[in-house]
């Protein structure tokens, strides 16, 4: 697989993971909306009625204890409502979350593989350059003198273009 195809494969996997997360978020949103608007008396309507009742209790309160009791009641009711919504979210994620987790795991694994391949490629290129440098640039090596000899034509001196042949002081 070429680098471009491999990169596209990684990007596609991240796109699929994002799409799976979007699908899961949509399902969670639908479930929460159902729970908030349910007609069983446990939704947002009940929370509004409880808040209204607590407000009436506060208006009628004669003592500090009455105020505290009204606050406790609304806190308990709101806590129950939030707990119900959290349970709804938890159930959707438990049912539908495996596909999203698998998509993200695949994207992460693909990214790791791509990264490892890139690191291995850089290391091998660096090793090859280092080996070439050690083999070819030693000043006293036979290869270095051989390269220098290739520029010499059996004792003949050839002037470079533009060279008049006169020495410069």
Protein backbone atom coordinates (compact mmCIF):
# COMPACT_ATOMS: atom_id res chain seq x y z
CA UNK A 1 0.00 0.00 0.00
CA UNK A 2 1.41 3.39 -0.92
CA UNK A 3 1.87 6.16 1.61
CA UNK A 4 -1.02 8.14 0.14
CA UNK A 5 -3.40 5.15 0.27
CA UNK A 6 -2.25 4.34 3.81
CA UNK A 7 -2.84 7.94 4.91
CA UNK A 8 -6.28 7.92 3.30
CA UNK A 9 -7.06 4.65 5.10
CA UNK A 10 -6.15 6.20 8.45
CA UNK A 11 -8.22 9.29 7.72
CA UNK A 12 -11.18 7.13 6.65
CA UNK A 13 -10.99 5.20 9.91
CA UNK A 14 -11.02 8.43 11.91
CA UNK A 15 -13.95 9.60 9.81
CA UNK A 16 -15.83 6.38 10.55
CA UNK A 17 -15.05 6.74 14.26
CA UNK A 18 -16.38 10.30 14.25
CA UNK A 19 -19.48 9.18 12.41
CA UNK A 20 -20.06 6.40 14.94
CA UNK A 21 -19.70 8.92 17.78
CA UNK A 22 -22.20 11.21 16.05
CA UNK A 23 -24.66 8.34 15.67
CA UNK A 24 -24.30 7.47 19.34
CA UNK A 25 -24.79 11.12 20.37
CA UNK A 26 -27.96 11.24 18.26
CA UNK A 27 -29.33 8.11 19.93
CA UNK A 28 -28.53 9.47 23.38
CA UNK A 29 -30.24 12.76 22.52
CA UNK A 30 -33.38 10.98 21.29
CA UNK A 31 -33.53 8.83 24.42
CA UNK A 32 -33.11 11.83 26.74
CA UNK A 33 -35.82 13.73 24.84
CA UNK A 34 -38.13 10.74 25.21
CA UNK A 35 -37.44 10.58 28.93
CA UNK A 36 -37.85 14.32 29.43
CA UNK A 37 -41.18 14.37 27.68
CA UNK A 38 -42.60 11.03 28.75
CA UNK A 39 -46.20 10.93 29.87
CA UNK A 40 -45.61 8.53 32.77
CA UNK A 41 -45.19 11.43 35.18
CA UNK A 42 -41.42 11.04 35.48
CA UNK A 43 -40.26 13.60 32.90
CA UNK A 44 -39.67 17.30 32.83
CA UNK A 45 -43.34 17.94 33.59
CA UNK A 46 -42.94 16.28 36.99
CA UNK A 47 -39.79 18.28 37.70
CA UNK A 48 -41.60 21.53 36.85
CA UNK A 49 -44.49 20.58 39.13
CA UNK A 50 -42.08 19.70 41.93
CA UNK A 51 -40.26 23.02 41.52
CA UNK A 52 -43.55 24.88 41.57
CA UNK A 53 -44.55 23.04 44.73
CA UNK A 54 -41.22 23.90 46.37
CA UNK A 55 -41.67 27.55 45.41
CA UNK A 56 -45.12 27.53 47.02
CA UNK A 57 -43.61 25.94 50.14
CA UNK A 58 -40.98 28.67 50.28
CA UNK A 59 -43.63 31.39 49.96
CA UNK A 60 -45.61 29.85 52.82
CA UNK A 61 -42.56 29.17 55.00
CA UNK A 62 -42.67 30.68 58.44
CA UNK A 63 -39.34 29.49 59.77
CA UNK A 64 -35.84 28.66 58.76
CA UNK A 65 -36.67 24.96 58.99
CA UNK A 66 -39.54 25.37 56.49
CA UNK A 67 -37.13 26.97 54.00
CA UNK A 68 -34.62 24.19 54.48
CA UNK A 69 -37.29 21.52 54.04
CA UNK A 70 -38.47 23.08 50.76
CA UNK A 71 -34.87 23.19 49.53
CA UNK A 72 -34.32 19.55 50.44
CA UNK A 73 -37.46 18.50 48.59
CA UNK A 74 -36.53 20.27 45.35
CA UNK A 75 -32.96 18.97 45.60
CA UNK A 76 -34.25 15.41 46.07
CA UNK A 77 -36.69 15.76 43.16
CA UNK A 78 -34.07 17.29 40.87
CA UNK A 79 -31.56 14.64 41.89
CA UNK A 80 -34.04 11.89 41.04
CA UNK A 81 -34.73 13.48 37.67
CA UNK A 82 -31.01 13.80 36.86
CA UNK A 83 -30.43 10.23 38.00
CA UNK A 84 -33.17 9.05 35.63
CA UNK A 85 -31.64 10.94 32.70
CA UNK A 86 -28.20 9.53 33.56
CA UNK A 87 -29.64 6.00 33.61
CA UNK A 88 -31.14 6.60 30.16
CA UNK A 89 -27.79 7.76 28.79
CA UNK A 90 -26.03 4.83 30.42
CA UNK A 91 -28.47 2.32 28.90
CA UNK A 92 -28.06 3.74 25.39
CA UNK A 93 -24.27 3.75 25.68
CA UNK A 94 -24.30 0.18 27.01
CA UNK A 95 -26.46 -0.97 24.09
CA UNK A 96 -24.93 1.07 21.29
CA UNK A 97 -21.46 2.06 22.50
CA UNK A 98 -19.58 -1.06 21.39
CA UNK A 99 -19.63 -0.04 17.73
CA UNK A 100 -18.29 3.40 18.60
CA UNK A 101 -15.55 1.99 20.82
CA UNK A 102 -14.57 -0.48 18.09
CA UNK A 103 -14.40 2.29 15.47
CA UNK A 104 -12.15 4.44 17.67
CA UNK A 105 -9.97 1.45 18.60
CA UNK A 106 -9.51 0.69 14.90
CA UNK A 107 -8.60 4.30 14.13
CA UNK A 108 -6.09 4.43 16.98
CA UNK A 109 -4.51 1.13 15.95
CA UNK A 110 -4.26 2.24 12.33
CA UNK A 111 -2.65 5.51 13.41
CA UNK A 112 -0.15 3.68 15.59
CA UNK A 113 0.75 1.35 12.72
CA UNK A 114 1.22 4.29 10.37
CA UNK A 115 3.38 6.10 12.91
CA UNK A 116 5.49 3.00 13.57
CA UNK A 117 6.00 2.54 9.81
CA UNK A 118 7.09 6.16 9.45
CA UNK A 119 9.54 5.85 12.35
CA UNK A 120 10.96 2.62 10.92
CA UNK A 121 11.35 4.25 7.51
CA UNK A 122 13.20 7.24 8.95
CA UNK A 123 15.46 4.99 11.02
CA UNK A 124 16.33 2.78 8.05
CA UNK A 125 17.06 5.79 5.83
CA UNK A 126 19.22 7.33 8.55
CA UNK A 127 21.05 4.02 8.98
CA UNK A 128 21.62 3.73 5.24
CA UNK A 129 22.96 7.30 5.03
CA UNK A 130 25.22 6.69 8.00
CA UNK A 131 26.54 3.49 6.41
CA UNK A 132 27.15 5.28 3.09
CA UNK A 133 28.92 8.08 4.88
CA UNK A 134 31.13 5.67 6.79
CA UNK A 135 31.95 3.70 3.64
CA UNK A 136 32.37 6.47 1.11
CA UNK A 137 33.84 9.54 2.76
CA UNK A 138 36.85 8.21 4.64
CA UNK A 139 39.77 10.32 3.35
CA UNK A 140 42.22 7.40 3.23
CA UNK A 141 39.82 4.76 2.01
CA UNK A 142 40.42 3.12 -1.37
CA UNK A 143 37.03 4.36 -2.57
CA UNK A 144 37.89 7.99 -1.78
CA UNK A 145 41.10 7.87 -3.82
CA UNK A 146 39.34 5.98 -6.59
CA UNK A 147 36.78 8.80 -6.90
CA UNK A 148 39.58 11.37 -7.03
CA UNK A 149 41.40 9.35 -9.71
CA UNK A 150 38.37 9.33 -11.98
CA UNK A 151 38.75 13.10 -12.48
CA UNK A 152 42.38 12.76 -13.67
CA UNK A 153 43.15 11.91 -17.27
CA UNK A 154 46.52 10.12 -17.37
CA UNK A 155 48.84 13.01 -16.59
CA UNK A 156 47.21 15.46 -18.96
CA UNK A 157 46.42 18.87 -17.49
CA UNK A 158 43.18 20.29 -18.76
CA UNK A 159 42.40 23.93 -18.15
CA UNK A 160 38.94 24.80 -16.98
CA UNK A 161 36.78 26.98 -19.20
CA UNK A 162 37.64 30.64 -18.79
CA UNK A 163 41.07 29.77 -17.39
CA UNK A 164 43.80 31.63 -19.32
CA UNK A 165 46.44 29.37 -17.94
CA UNK A 166 48.33 32.14 -16.19
CA UNK A 167 48.88 31.80 -12.50
CA UNK A 168 47.29 34.34 -10.21
CA UNK A 169 49.43 36.07 -7.60
